[in-house]
Amino acid sequence: MEPAEAAQALGASQLPLSLTASPEEGGGQIDVSVDCGDDKIAELLSLKQVVTELPPKDRSIIVFRYFKSRTQTQTAEALGMTQVQVSRREKVILNQLRAKLS
């Protein structure tokens, strides 16, 4: 995953929100706190690390399914597998990722 995609996925490209009060309300500026996304960035970095540790075929399944938004059938065709094989393997991989991230 490219850094720009990661930032977009996290919504990190959003600037802090600032609202300016109208002159009738006494003017001034109201600052509204916005989640900075530090936790999301840490989670994404952790996820990226465990995904890179996967065997190449498992990593390809995850990349096709979750980063390229491909169906199980499309993933199977690209990797020379059946849809059922992709489905079963994906379930195992996701359980492994959950275990590593928890």
PDB file of N, CA and C in Angstrom:
ATOM      1  N   MET A   1       0.842  -1.160   0.000  1.00  0.00           N
ATOM      2  CA  MET A   1       0.000   0.000   0.000  1.00  0.00           C
ATOM      3  C   MET A   1       0.894   1.232   0.000  1.00  0.00           C
ATOM      4  N   GLU A   2       0.560   2.173  -0.849  1.00  0.00           N
ATOM      5  CA  GLU A   2       1.313   3.417  -0.953  1.00  0.00           C
ATOM      6  C   GLU A   2       0.966   4.326   0.221  1.00  0.00           C
ATOM      7  N   PRO A   3       1.908   5.183   0.642  1.00  0.00           N
ATOM      8  CA  PRO A   3       1.640   6.085   1.762  1.00  0.00           C
ATOM      9  C   PRO A   3       0.419   6.969   1.526  1.00  0.00           C
ATOM     10  N   ALA A   4       0.224   7.428   0.306  1.00  0.00           N
ATOM     11  CA  ALA A   4      -0.927   8.279   0.012  1.00  0.00           C
ATOM     12  C   ALA A   4      -2.225   7.525   0.217  1.00  0.00           C
ATOM     13  N   GLU A   5      -2.242   6.239  -0.165  1.00  0.00           N
ATOM     14  CA  GLU A   5      -3.436   5.424   0.038  1.00  0.00           C
ATOM     15  C   GLU A   5      -3.691   5.230   1.530  1.00  0.00           C
ATOM     16  N   ALA A   6      -2.627   5.018   2.275  1.00  0.00           N
ATOM     17  CA  ALA A   6      -2.756   4.823   3.710  1.00  0.00           C
ATOM     18  C   ALA A   6      -3.338   6.075   4.363  1.00  0.00           C
ATOM     19  N   ALA A   7      -2.826   7.231   3.986  1.00  0.00           N
ATOM     20  CA  ALA A   7      -3.317   8.486   4.554  1.00  0.00           C
ATOM     21  C   ALA A   7      -4.778   8.698   4.194  1.00  0.00           C
ATOM     22  N   GLN A   8      -5.137   8.387   2.969  1.00  0.00           N
ATOM     23  CA  GLN A   8      -6.521   8.552   2.541  1.00  0.00           C
ATOM     24  C   GLN A   8      -7.421   7.596   3.300  1.00  0.00           C
ATOM     25  N   ALA A   9      -6.967   6.359   3.476  1.00  0.00           N
ATOM     26  CA  ALA A   9      -7.759   5.368   4.189  1.00  0.00           C
ATOM     27  C   ALA A   9      -8.014   5.792   5.625  1.00  0.00           C
ATOM     28  N   LEU A  10      -7.089   6.465   6.202  1.00  0.00           N
ATOM     29  CA  LEU A  10      -7.217   6.903   7.587  1.00  0.00           C
ATOM     30  C   LEU A  10      -7.936   8.241   7.725  1.00  0.00           C
ATOM     31  N   GLY A  11      -8.167   8.921   6.630  1.00  0.00           N
ATOM     32  CA  GLY A  11      -8.750  10.246   6.712  1.00  0.00           C
ATOM     33  C   GLY A  11      -7.759  11.251   7.267  1.00  0.00           C
ATOM     34  N   ALA A  12      -6.472  10.900   7.199  1.00  0.00           N
ATOM     35  CA  ALA A  12      -5.434  11.757   7.774  1.00  0.00           C
ATOM     36  C   ALA A  12      -5.246  13.034   6.981  1.00  0.00           C
ATOM     37  N   SER A  13      -5.806  13.074   5.791  1.00  0.00           N
ATOM     38  CA  SER A  13      -5.630  14.270   4.974  1.00  0.00           C
ATOM     39  C   SER A  13      -6.580  15.387   5.394  1.00  0.00           C
ATOM     40  N   GLN A  14      -7.482  15.099   6.337  1.00  0.00           N
ATOM     41  CA  GLN A  14      -8.422  16.119   6.788  1.00  0.00           C
ATOM     42  C   GLN A  14      -7.733  17.122   7.692  1.00  0.00           C
ATOM     43  N   LEU A  15      -8.009  18.382   7.454  1.00  0.00           N
ATOM     44  CA  LEU A  15      -7.461  19.437   8.291  1.00  0.00           C
ATOM     45  C   LEU A  15      -8.357  19.630   9.510  1.00  0.00           C
ATOM     46  N   PRO A  16      -7.818  20.146  10.610  1.00  0.00           N
ATOM     47  CA  PRO A  16      -8.651  20.427  11.776  1.00  0.00           C
ATOM     48  C   PRO A  16      -9.780  21.376  11.406  1.00  0.00           C
ATOM     49  N   LEU A  17     -10.922  21.151  11.993  1.00  0.00           N
ATOM     50  CA  LEU A  17     -12.103  21.943  11.706  1.00  0.00           C
ATOM     51  C   LEU A  17     -12.104  23.204  12.558  1.00  0.00           C
ATOM     52  N   SER A  18     -12.370  24.332  11.947  1.00  0.00           N
ATOM     53  CA  SER A  18     -12.441  25.583  12.683  1.00  0.00           C
ATOM     54  C   SER A  18     -13.662  26.348  12.199  1.00  0.00           C
ATOM     55  N   LEU A  19     -14.480  26.788  13.109  1.00  0.00           N
ATOM     56  CA  LEU A  19     -15.687  27.530  12.756  1.00  0.00           C
ATOM     57  C   LEU A  19     -15.543  28.965  13.239  1.00  0.00           C
ATOM     58  N   THR A  20     -15.940  29.905  12.422  1.00  0.00           N
ATOM     59  CA  THR A  20     -15.875  31.311  12.795  1.00  0.00           C
ATOM     60  C   THR A  20     -17.284  31.775  13.141  1.00  0.00           C
ATOM     61  N   ALA A  21     -17.437  32.322  14.332  1.00  0.00           N
ATOM     62  CA  ALA A  21     -18.737  32.805  14.776  1.00  0.00           C
ATOM     63  C   ALA A  21     -19.106  34.068  14.005  1.00  0.00           C
ATOM     64  N   SER A  22     -20.387  34.286  13.839  1.00  0.00           N
ATOM     65  CA  SER A  22     -20.848  35.472  13.112  1.00  0.00           C
ATOM     66  C   SER A  22     -20.649  36.725  13.974  1.00  0.00           C
ATOM     67  N   PRO A  23     -20.536  37.904  13.349  1.00  0.00           N
ATOM     68  CA  PRO A  23     -20.358  39.151  14.106  1.00  0.00           C
ATOM     69  C   PRO A  23     -21.506  39.400  15.081  1.00  0.00           C
ATOM     70  N   GLU A  24     -22.737  38.964  14.741  1.00  0.00           N
ATOM     71  CA  GLU A  24     -23.886  39.160  15.619  1.00  0.00           C
ATOM     72  C   GLU A  24     -23.718  38.398  16.933  1.00  0.00           C
ATOM     73  N   GLU A  25     -22.936  37.307  16.900  1.00  0.00           N
ATOM     74  CA  GLU A  25     -22.738  36.482  18.088  1.00  0.00           C
ATOM     75  C   GLU A  25     -21.486  36.897  18.853  1.00  0.00           C
ATOM     76  N   GLY A  26     -20.957  38.048  18.546  1.00  0.00           N
ATOM     77  CA  GLY A  26     -19.789  38.534  19.262  1.00  0.00           C
ATOM     78  C   GLY A  26     -18.483  38.223  18.563  1.00  0.00           C
ATOM     79  N   GLY A  27     -18.551  37.645  17.368  1.00  0.00           N
ATOM     80  CA  GLY A  27     -17.343  37.358  16.608  1.00  0.00           C
ATOM     81  C   GLY A  27     -16.489  36.314  17.291  1.00  0.00           C
ATOM     82  N   GLY A  28     -15.252  36.315  16.935  1.00  0.00           N
ATOM     83  CA  GLY A  28     -14.336  35.356  17.534  1.00  0.00           C
ATOM     84  C   GLY A  28     -14.328  34.037  16.770  1.00  0.00           C
ATOM     85  N   GLN A  29     -13.580  33.131  17.298  1.00  0.00           N
ATOM     86  CA  GLN A  29     -13.400  31.868  16.614  1.00  0.00           C
ATOM     87  C   GLN A  29     -13.688  30.729  17.579  1.00  0.00           C
ATOM     88  N   ILE A  30     -14.366  29.719  17.100  1.00  0.00           N
ATOM     89  CA  ILE A  30     -14.652  28.533  17.902  1.00  0.00           C
ATOM     90  C   ILE A  30     -13.839  27.390  17.324  1.00  0.00           C
ATOM     91  N   ASP A  31     -12.980  26.800  18.149  1.00  0.00           N
ATOM     92  CA  ASP A  31     -12.192  25.661  17.694  1.00  0.00           C
ATOM     93  C   ASP A  31     -12.879  24.370  18.121  1.00  0.00           C
ATOM     94  N   VAL A  32     -13.028  23.477  17.183  1.00  0.00           N
ATOM     95  CA  VAL A  32     -13.647  22.190  17.449  1.00  0.00           C
ATOM     96  C   VAL A  32     -12.555  21.139  17.339  1.00  0.00           C
ATOM     97  N   SER A  33     -12.389  20.348  18.395  1.00  0.00           N
ATOM     98  CA  SER A  33     -11.338  19.336  18.349  1.00  0.00           C
ATOM     99  C   SER A  33     -11.730  18.235  17.364  1.00  0.00           C
ATOM    100  N   VAL A  34     -10.740  17.726  16.671  1.00  0.00           N
ATOM    101  CA  VAL A  34     -10.923  16.675  15.682  1.00  0.00           C
ATOM    102  C   VAL A  34      -9.928  15.575  15.999  1.00  0.00           C
ATOM    103  N   ASP A  35     -10.373  14.336  15.907  1.00  0.00           N
ATOM    104  CA  ASP A  35      -9.489  13.194  16.153  1.00  0.00           C
ATOM    105  C   ASP A  35      -8.293  13.291  15.221  1.00  0.00           C
ATOM    106  N   CYS A  36      -7.098  13.262  15.791  1.00  0.00           N
ATOM    107  CA  CYS A  36      -5.890  13.426  14.987  1.00  0.00           C
ATOM    108  C   CYS A  36      -5.522  12.155  14.232  1.00  0.00           C
ATOM    109  N   GLY A  37      -6.096  11.017  14.623  1.00  0.00           N
ATOM    110  CA  GLY A  37      -5.833   9.793  13.879  1.00  0.00           C
ATOM    111  C   GLY A  37      -4.582   9.049  14.284  1.00  0.00           C
ATOM    112  N   ASP A  38      -3.930   9.449  15.378  1.00  0.00           N
ATOM    113  CA  ASP A  38      -2.701   8.772  15.799  1.00  0.00           C
ATOM    114  C   ASP A  38      -2.931   7.284  16.045  1.00  0.00           C
ATOM    115  N   ASP A  39      -4.049   6.955  16.691  1.00  0.00           N
ATOM    116  CA  ASP A  39      -4.352   5.547  16.956  1.00  0.00           C
ATOM    117  C   ASP A  39      -4.562   4.782  15.653  1.00  0.00           C
ATOM    118  N   LYS A  40      -5.245   5.412  14.722  1.00  0.00           N
ATOM    119  CA  LYS A  40      -5.491   4.756  13.434  1.00  0.00           C
ATOM    120  C   LYS A  40      -4.189   4.534  12.669  1.00  0.00           C
ATOM    121  N   ILE A  41      -3.299   5.506  12.749  1.00  0.00           N
ATOM    122  CA  ILE A  41      -2.007   5.373  12.073  1.00  0.00           C
ATOM    123  C   ILE A  41      -1.222   4.221  12.685  1.00  0.00           C
ATOM    124  N   ALA A  42      -1.225   4.134  14.006  1.00  0.00           N
ATOM    125  CA  ALA A  42      -0.522   3.042  14.681  1.00  0.00           C
ATOM    126  C   ALA A  42      -1.113   1.692  14.298  1.00  0.00           C
ATOM    127  N   GLU A  43      -2.444   1.623  14.222  1.00  0.00           N
ATOM    128  CA  GLU A  43      -3.105   0.383  13.827  1.00  0.00           C
ATOM    129  C   GLU A  43      -2.753   0.001  12.397  1.00  0.00           C
ATOM    130  N   LEU A  44      -2.739   0.989  11.517  1.00  0.00           N
ATOM    131  CA  LEU A  44      -2.405   0.718  10.125  1.00  0.00           C
ATOM    132  C   LEU A  44      -0.966   0.235   9.982  1.00  0.00           C
ATOM    133  N   LEU A  45      -0.059   0.851  10.720  1.00  0.00           N
ATOM    134  CA  LEU A  45       1.340   0.420  10.666  1.00  0.00           C
ATOM    135  C   LEU A  45       1.493  -1.001  11.196  1.00  0.00           C
ATOM    136  N   SER A  46       0.785  -1.312  12.265  1.00  0.00           N
ATOM    137  CA  SER A  46       0.825  -2.676  12.802  1.00  0.00           C
ATOM    138  C   SER A  46       0.267  -3.665  11.799  1.00  0.00           C
ATOM    139  N   LEU A  47      -0.846  -3.298  11.175  1.00  0.00           N
ATOM    140  CA  LEU A  47      -1.455  -4.167  10.170  1.00  0.00           C
ATOM    141  C   LEU A  47      -0.517  -4.377   8.995  1.00  0.00           C
ATOM    142  N   LYS A  48       0.087  -3.298   8.538  1.00  0.00           N
ATOM    143  CA  LYS A  48       1.019  -3.405   7.413  1.00  0.00           C
ATOM    144  C   LYS A  48       2.170  -4.342   7.755  1.00  0.00           C
ATOM    145  N   GLN A  49       2.676  -4.252   8.985  1.00  0.00           N
ATOM    146  CA  GLN A  49       3.780  -5.107   9.409  1.00  0.00           C
ATOM    147  C   GLN A  49       3.389  -6.576   9.379  1.00  0.00           C
ATOM    148  N   VAL A  50       2.233  -6.917   9.950  1.00  0.00           N
ATOM    149  CA  VAL A  50       1.851  -8.330   9.982  1.00  0.00           C
ATOM    150  C   VAL A  50       1.486  -8.853   8.596  1.00  0.00           C
ATOM    151  N   VAL A  51       0.950  -7.988   7.740  1.00  0.00           N
ATOM    152  CA  VAL A  51       0.643  -8.417   6.368  1.00  0.00           C
ATOM    153  C   VAL A  51       1.931  -8.702   5.605  1.00  0.00           C
ATOM    154  N   THR A  52       2.965  -7.889   5.803  1.00  0.00           N
ATOM    155  CA  THR A  52       4.232  -8.126   5.090  1.00  0.00           C
ATOM    156  C   THR A  52       4.919  -9.400   5.573  1.00  0.00           C
ATOM    157  N   GLU A  53       4.580  -9.867   6.765  1.00  0.00           N
ATOM    158  CA  GLU A  53       5.157 -11.105   7.290  1.00  0.00           C
ATOM    159  C   GLU A  53       4.464 -12.364   6.759  1.00  0.00           C
ATOM    160  N   LEU A  54       3.337 -12.192   6.087  1.00  0.00           N
ATOM    161  CA  LEU A  54       2.615 -13.341   5.540  1.00  0.00           C
ATOM    162  C   LEU A  54       3.387 -13.970   4.381  1.00  0.00           C
ATOM    163  N   PRO A  55       3.172 -15.280   4.163  1.00  0.00           N
ATOM    164  CA  PRO A  55       3.736 -15.893   2.957  1.00  0.00           C
ATOM    165  C   PRO A  55       3.192 -15.168   1.715  1.00  0.00           C
ATOM    166  N   PRO A  56       3.949 -15.153   0.626  1.00  0.00           N
ATOM    167  CA  PRO A  56       3.556 -14.377  -0.558  1.00  0.00           C
ATOM    168  C   PRO A  56       2.126 -14.636  -1.060  1.00  0.00           C
ATOM    169  N   LYS A  57       1.696 -15.878  -1.134  1.00  0.00           N
ATOM    170  CA  LYS A  57       0.355 -16.158  -1.657  1.00  0.00           C
ATOM    171  C   LYS A  57      -0.720 -15.640  -0.701  1.00  0.00           C
ATOM    172  N   ASP A  58      -0.499 -15.806   0.603  1.00  0.00           N
ATOM    173  CA  ASP A  58      -1.452 -15.282   1.585  1.00  0.00           C
ATOM    174  C   ASP A  58      -1.513 -13.758   1.515  1.00  0.00           C
ATOM    175  N   ARG A  59      -0.360 -13.135   1.389  1.00  0.00           N
ATOM    176  CA  ARG A  59      -0.302 -11.671   1.273  1.00  0.00           C
ATOM    177  C   ARG A  59      -1.061 -11.219   0.027  1.00  0.00           C
ATOM    178  N   SER A  60      -0.905 -11.950  -1.071  1.00  0.00           N
ATOM    179  CA  SER A  60      -1.617 -11.602  -2.308  1.00  0.00           C
ATOM    180  C   SER A  60      -3.116 -11.686  -2.120  1.00  0.00           C
ATOM    181  N   ILE A  61      -3.579 -12.705  -1.401  1.00  0.00           N
ATOM    182  CA  ILE A  61      -5.017 -12.832  -1.145  1.00  0.00           C
ATOM    183  C   ILE A  61      -5.531 -11.606  -0.405  1.00  0.00           C
ATOM    184  N   ILE A  62      -4.827 -11.201   0.636  1.00  0.00           N
ATOM    185  CA  ILE A  62      -5.251 -10.045   1.431  1.00  0.00           C
ATOM    186  C   ILE A  62      -5.194  -8.758   0.607  1.00  0.00           C
ATOM    187  N   VAL A  63      -4.151  -8.602  -0.174  1.00  0.00           N
ATOM    188  CA  VAL A  63      -4.026  -7.396  -1.008  1.00  0.00           C
ATOM    189  C   VAL A  63      -5.160  -7.326  -2.024  1.00  0.00           C
ATOM    190  N   PHE A  64      -5.421  -8.426  -2.726  1.00  0.00           N
ATOM    191  CA  PHE A  64      -6.511  -8.429  -3.706  1.00  0.00           C
ATOM    192  C   PHE A  64      -7.858  -8.169  -3.040  1.00  0.00           C
ATOM    193  N   ARG A  65      -8.116  -8.832  -1.915  1.00  0.00           N
ATOM    194  CA  ARG A  65      -9.433  -8.740  -1.287  1.00  0.00           C
ATOM    195  C   ARG A  65      -9.672  -7.400  -0.593  1.00  0.00           C
ATOM    196  N   TYR A  66      -8.667  -6.900   0.125  1.00  0.00           N
ATOM    197  CA  TYR A  66      -8.926  -5.746   0.988  1.00  0.00           C
ATOM    198  C   TYR A  66      -8.294  -4.439   0.535  1.00  0.00           C
ATOM    199  N   PHE A  67      -7.265  -4.496  -0.272  1.00  0.00           N
ATOM    200  CA  PHE A  67      -6.653  -3.256  -0.741  1.00  0.00           C
ATOM    201  C   PHE A  67      -7.032  -2.946  -2.181  1.00  0.00           C
ATOM    202  N   LYS A  68      -7.385  -3.987  -2.938  1.00  0.00           N
ATOM    203  CA  LYS A  68      -7.817  -3.778  -4.319  1.00  0.00           C
ATOM    204  C   LYS A  68      -9.307  -4.039  -4.491  1.00  0.00           C
ATOM    205  N   SER A  69      -9.989  -4.385  -3.406  1.00  0.00           N
ATOM    206  CA  SER A  69     -11.447  -4.600  -3.386  1.00  0.00           C
ATOM    207  C   SER A  69     -11.918  -5.594  -4.447  1.00  0.00           C
ATOM    208  N   ARG A  70     -11.180  -6.660  -4.612  1.00  0.00           N
ATOM    209  CA  ARG A  70     -11.564  -7.696  -5.574  1.00  0.00           C
ATOM    210  C   ARG A  70     -12.444  -8.737  -4.890  1.00  0.00           C
ATOM    211  N   THR A  71     -13.305  -9.367  -5.666  1.00  0.00           N
ATOM    212  CA  THR A  71     -14.140 -10.434  -5.122  1.00  0.00           C
ATOM    213  C   THR A  71     -13.295 -11.683  -4.922  1.00  0.00           C
ATOM    214  N   GLN A  72     -13.851 -12.656  -4.225  1.00  0.00           N
ATOM    215  CA  GLN A  72     -13.132 -13.919  -4.056  1.00  0.00           C
ATOM    216  C   GLN A  72     -12.926 -14.597  -5.411  1.00  0.00           C
ATOM    217  N   THR A  73     -13.897 -14.500  -6.286  1.00  0.00           N
ATOM    218  CA  THR A  73     -13.778 -15.102  -7.620  1.00  0.00           C
ATOM    219  C   THR A  73     -12.681 -14.423  -8.425  1.00  0.00           C
ATOM    220  N   GLN A  74     -12.631 -13.098  -8.406  1.00  0.00           N
ATOM    221  CA  GLN A  74     -11.583 -12.371  -9.123  1.00  0.00           C
ATOM    222  C   GLN A  74     -10.210 -12.695  -8.546  1.00  0.00           C
ATOM    223  N   THR A  75     -10.125 -12.779  -7.230  1.00  0.00           N
ATOM    224  CA  THR A  75      -8.868 -13.121  -6.570  1.00  0.00           C
ATOM    225  C   THR A  75      -8.427 -14.515  -6.963  1.00  0.00           C
ATOM    226  N   ALA A  76      -9.372 -15.440  -6.964  1.00  0.00           N
ATOM    227  CA  ALA A  76      -9.068 -16.829  -7.338  1.00  0.00           C
ATOM    228  C   ALA A  76      -8.527 -16.914  -8.760  1.00  0.00           C
ATOM    229  N   GLU A  77      -9.162 -16.211  -9.676  1.00  0.00           N
ATOM    230  CA  GLU A  77      -8.709 -16.224 -11.072  1.00  0.00           C
ATOM    231  C   GLU A  77      -7.300 -15.655 -11.201  1.00  0.00           C
ATOM    232  N   ALA A  78      -7.031 -14.578 -10.495  1.00  0.00           N
ATOM    233  CA  ALA A  78      -5.711 -13.935 -10.573  1.00  0.00           C
ATOM    234  C   ALA A  78      -4.610 -14.812  -9.980  1.00  0.00           C
ATOM    235  N   LEU A  79      -4.959 -15.631  -8.980  1.00  0.00           N
ATOM    236  CA  LEU A  79      -3.951 -16.423  -8.278  1.00  0.00           C
ATOM    237  C   LEU A  79      -3.962 -17.904  -8.662  1.00  0.00           C
ATOM    238  N   GLY A  80      -4.810 -18.271  -9.620  1.00  0.00           N
ATOM    239  CA  GLY A  80      -4.859 -19.664 -10.053  1.00  0.00           C
ATOM    240  C   GLY A  80      -5.426 -20.595  -8.996  1.00  0.00           C
ATOM    241  N   MET A  81      -6.451 -20.130  -8.305  1.00  0.00           N
ATOM    242  CA  MET A  81      -7.093 -20.901  -7.253  1.00  0.00           C
ATOM    243  C   MET A  81      -8.584 -20.969  -7.548  1.00  0.00           C
ATOM    244  N   THR A  82      -9.303 -21.751  -6.762  1.00  0.00           N
ATOM    245  CA  THR A  82     -10.759 -21.731  -6.856  1.00  0.00           C
ATOM    246  C   THR A  82     -11.291 -20.723  -5.846  1.00  0.00           C
ATOM    247  N   GLN A  83     -12.533 -20.307  -6.041  1.00  0.00           N
ATOM    248  CA  GLN A  83     -13.160 -19.368  -5.106  1.00  0.00           C
ATOM    249  C   GLN A  83     -13.250 -19.982  -3.715  1.00  0.00           C
ATOM    250  N   VAL A  84     -13.524 -21.276  -3.640  1.00  0.00           N
ATOM    251  CA  VAL A  84     -13.628 -21.954  -2.354  1.00  0.00           C
ATOM    252  C   VAL A  84     -12.272 -21.951  -1.636  1.00  0.00           C
ATOM    253  N   GLN A  85     -11.206 -22.178  -2.376  1.00  0.00           N
ATOM    254  CA  GLN A  85      -9.865 -22.149  -1.778  1.00  0.00           C
ATOM    255  C   GLN A  85      -9.552 -20.766  -1.213  1.00  0.00           C
ATOM    256  N   VAL A  86      -9.893 -19.730  -1.978  1.00  0.00           N
ATOM    257  CA  VAL A  86      -9.658 -18.359  -1.518  1.00  0.00           C
ATOM    258  C   VAL A  86     -10.475 -18.095  -0.257  1.00  0.00           C
ATOM    259  N   SER A  87     -11.733 -18.494  -0.256  1.00  0.00           N
ATOM    260  CA  SER A  87     -12.600 -18.269   0.890  1.00  0.00           C
ATOM    261  C   SER A  87     -12.046 -18.934   2.143  1.00  0.00           C
ATOM    262  N   ARG A  88     -11.670 -20.197   2.029  1.00  0.00           N
ATOM    263  CA  ARG A  88     -11.136 -20.925   3.185  1.00  0.00           C
ATOM    264  C   ARG A  88      -9.817 -20.345   3.664  1.00  0.00           C
ATOM    265  N   ARG A  89      -8.930 -20.037   2.719  1.00  0.00           N
ATOM    266  CA  ARG A  89      -7.619 -19.501   3.087  1.00  0.00           C
ATOM    267  C   ARG A  89      -7.761 -18.115   3.713  1.00  0.00           C
ATOM    268  N   GLU A  90      -8.652 -17.304   3.158  1.00  0.00           N
ATOM    269  CA  GLU A  90      -8.882 -15.957   3.685  1.00  0.00           C
ATOM    270  C   GLU A  90      -9.332 -16.026   5.142  1.00  0.00           C
ATOM    271  N   LYS A  91     -10.221 -16.946   5.455  1.00  0.00           N
ATOM    272  CA  LYS A  91     -10.699 -17.087   6.826  1.00  0.00           C
ATOM    273  C   LYS A  91      -9.543 -17.428   7.770  1.00  0.00           C
ATOM    274  N   VAL A  92      -8.666 -18.337   7.361  1.00  0.00           N
ATOM    275  CA  VAL A  92      -7.500 -18.713   8.173  1.00  0.00           C
ATOM    276  C   VAL A  92      -6.565 -17.518   8.350  1.00  0.00           C
ATOM    277  N   ILE A  93      -6.297 -16.813   7.261  1.00  0.00           N
ATOM    278  CA  ILE A  93      -5.385 -15.659   7.311  1.00  0.00           C
ATOM    279  C   ILE A  93      -5.929 -14.588   8.245  1.00  0.00           C
ATOM    280  N   LEU A  94      -7.216 -14.271   8.131  1.00  0.00           N
ATOM    281  CA  LEU A  94      -7.807 -13.240   8.980  1.00  0.00           C
ATOM    282  C   LEU A  94      -7.729 -13.623  10.452  1.00  0.00           C
ATOM    283  N   ASN A  95      -7.933 -14.886  10.765  1.00  0.00           N
ATOM    284  CA  ASN A  95      -7.799 -15.334  12.155  1.00  0.00           C
ATOM    285  C   ASN A  95      -6.361 -15.175  12.640  1.00  0.00           C
ATOM    286  N   GLN A  96      -5.401 -15.476  11.776  1.00  0.00           N
ATOM    287  CA  GLN A  96      -3.982 -15.290  12.129  1.00  0.00           C
ATOM    288  C   GLN A  96      -3.666 -13.821  12.370  1.00  0.00           C
ATOM    289  N   LEU A  97      -4.155 -12.961  11.493  1.00  0.00           N
ATOM    290  CA  LEU A  97      -3.913 -11.523  11.643  1.00  0.00           C
ATOM    291  C   LEU A  97      -4.525 -10.996  12.932  1.00  0.00           C
ATOM    292  N   ARG A  98      -5.752 -11.432  13.221  1.00  0.00           N
ATOM    293  CA  ARG A  98      -6.410 -10.992  14.471  1.00  0.00           C
ATOM    294  C   ARG A  98      -5.581 -11.407  15.689  1.00  0.00           C
ATOM    295  N   ALA A  99      -5.096 -12.638  15.667  1.00  0.00           N
ATOM    296  CA  ALA A  99      -4.298 -13.145  16.791  1.00  0.00           C
ATOM    297  C   ALA A  99      -3.009 -12.335  16.959  1.00  0.00           C
ATOM    298  N   LYS A 100      -2.356 -12.018  15.852  1.00  0.00           N
ATOM    299  CA  LYS A 100      -1.099 -11.258  15.922  1.00  0.00           C
ATOM    300  C   LYS A 100      -1.324  -9.825  16.378  1.00  0.00           C
ATOM    301  N   LEU A 101      -2.471  -9.253  16.031  1.00  0.00           N
ATOM    302  CA  LEU A 101      -2.736  -7.853  16.352  1.00  0.00           C
ATOM    303  C   LEU A 101      -3.352  -7.664  17.732  1.00  0.00           C
ATOM    304  N   SER A 102      -3.780  -8.734  18.360  1.00  0.00           N
ATOM    305  CA  SER A 102      -4.418  -8.570  19.679  1.00  0.00           C
ATOM    306  C   SER A 102      -3.446  -8.827  20.812  1.00  0.00           C
TER     307      SER A 102
END
